[in-house]
Amino acid sequence: MITQDVIRKLWDAAGYGNVAVWGDDTMTIVPADYPGETAGKKPIAILKPIALVNEYDLLDFALSDEKLLNSIENTLRAAGGQVTRDQGP
């Protein structure tokens, strides 16, 4: 999973719900009151877009913010996920 892809998903989901990150590296938007399980499966993490990306005026600012990148990477790794940062061209 690429950290910047997670940020893009968070950015798109802001105002629509939270982002569930699954063990197979997929992400889905879930409602704020999501019980934490779908068909007996639990996501490795549920990320709250407004808390993570709302402070940024532009997506590009969020994509390059070290604090945000580290926060997402640490959260996903602590949950057992694998995440790498896109180094760009």
Protein backbone atom coordinates (compact mmCIF):
# COMPACT_ATOMS: atom_id res chain seq x y z
CA MET A 1 0.00 0.00 0.00
CA ILE A 2 1.28 3.47 -0.86
CA THR A 3 0.93 6.16 1.82
CA GLN A 4 -0.02 8.86 -0.68
CA ASP A 5 -2.82 6.63 -2.05
CA VAL A 6 -4.22 6.41 1.47
CA ILE A 7 -4.13 10.21 1.74
CA ARG A 8 -5.94 10.57 -1.59
CA LYS A 9 -8.64 8.16 -0.39
CA LEU A 10 -8.95 10.09 2.88
CA TRP A 11 -9.22 13.36 0.96
CA ASP A 12 -12.00 11.97 -1.26
CA ALA A 13 -13.84 10.44 1.71
CA ALA A 14 -13.88 13.58 3.87
CA GLY A 15 -17.47 14.37 4.67
CA TYR A 16 -18.73 10.98 3.47
CA GLY A 17 -17.49 8.67 6.22
CA ASN A 18 -14.35 6.99 7.47
CA VAL A 19 -11.89 4.82 5.57
CA ALA A 20 -11.55 1.16 6.47
CA VAL A 21 -8.19 -0.34 5.51
CA TRP A 22 -8.29 -4.08 4.98
CA GLY A 23 -5.59 -6.72 5.22
CA ASP A 24 -5.57 -7.19 1.44
CA ASP A 25 -4.58 -3.50 0.97
CA THR A 26 -8.03 -2.39 -0.15
CA MET A 27 -9.78 0.64 1.29
CA THR A 28 -13.50 1.28 1.57
CA ILE A 29 -15.55 4.17 2.83
CA VAL A 30 -17.62 3.21 5.85
CA PRO A 31 -20.16 5.26 7.81
CA ALA A 32 -19.08 7.10 10.94
CA ASP A 33 -21.09 4.65 13.05
CA TYR A 34 -19.52 1.58 11.39
CA PRO A 35 -19.50 -1.29 13.90
CA GLY A 36 -16.00 -2.41 12.87
CA GLU A 37 -16.90 -5.65 11.12
CA THR A 38 -18.36 -6.69 7.76
CA ALA A 39 -19.41 -10.28 7.09
CA GLY A 40 -17.26 -11.46 9.97
CA LYS A 41 -14.15 -9.60 8.77
CA LYS A 42 -12.52 -6.70 10.57
CA PRO A 43 -10.38 -4.02 8.90
CA ILE A 44 -6.84 -3.58 10.18
CA ALA A 45 -7.55 0.13 10.73
CA ILE A 46 -10.30 2.69 10.43
CA LEU A 47 -8.99 6.14 9.54
CA LYS A 48 -10.97 9.32 10.12
CA PRO A 49 -10.50 11.68 7.16
CA ILE A 50 -11.65 14.90 8.79
CA ALA A 51 -9.25 14.45 11.70
CA LEU A 52 -6.36 13.64 9.35
CA VAL A 53 -6.71 15.83 6.26
CA ASN A 54 -9.15 18.61 7.14
CA GLU A 55 -6.39 21.04 8.14
CA TYR A 56 -4.91 21.12 4.63
CA ASP A 57 -6.15 23.64 2.08
CA LEU A 58 -4.90 21.59 -0.87
CA LEU A 59 -4.37 17.89 -1.46
CA ASP A 60 -0.76 18.54 -2.50
CA PHE A 61 -0.01 19.94 0.96
CA ALA A 62 -1.36 16.80 2.60
CA LEU A 63 0.54 14.51 0.22
CA SER A 64 3.87 16.03 1.20
CA ASP A 65 3.36 16.65 4.92
CA GLU A 66 5.89 14.54 6.87
CA LYS A 67 3.80 14.54 10.03
CA LEU A 68 0.72 13.20 8.22
CA LEU A 69 2.72 10.66 6.21
CA ASN A 70 4.42 9.35 9.36
CA SER A 71 1.15 9.22 11.29
CA ILE A 72 -0.58 7.09 8.66
CA GLU A 73 2.45 4.84 8.19
CA ASN A 74 2.82 4.27 11.92
CA THR A 75 -0.89 3.53 12.34
CA LEU A 76 -0.98 1.00 9.52
CA ARG A 77 2.27 -0.71 10.49
CA ALA A 78 1.15 -0.99 14.12
CA ALA A 79 -2.00 -2.71 12.86
CA GLY A 80 0.05 -5.23 10.88
CA GLY A 81 -0.21 -3.58 7.48
CA GLN A 82 2.56 -2.90 5.01
CA VAL A 83 2.92 0.60 3.70
CA THR A 84 5.57 2.39 1.66
CA ARG A 85 5.96 5.99 0.64
CA ASP A 86 5.87 6.97 -3.03
CA GLN A 87 9.16 8.68 -3.74
CA GLY A 88 7.88 10.28 -6.95
CA PRO A 89 9.77 10.65 -10.22
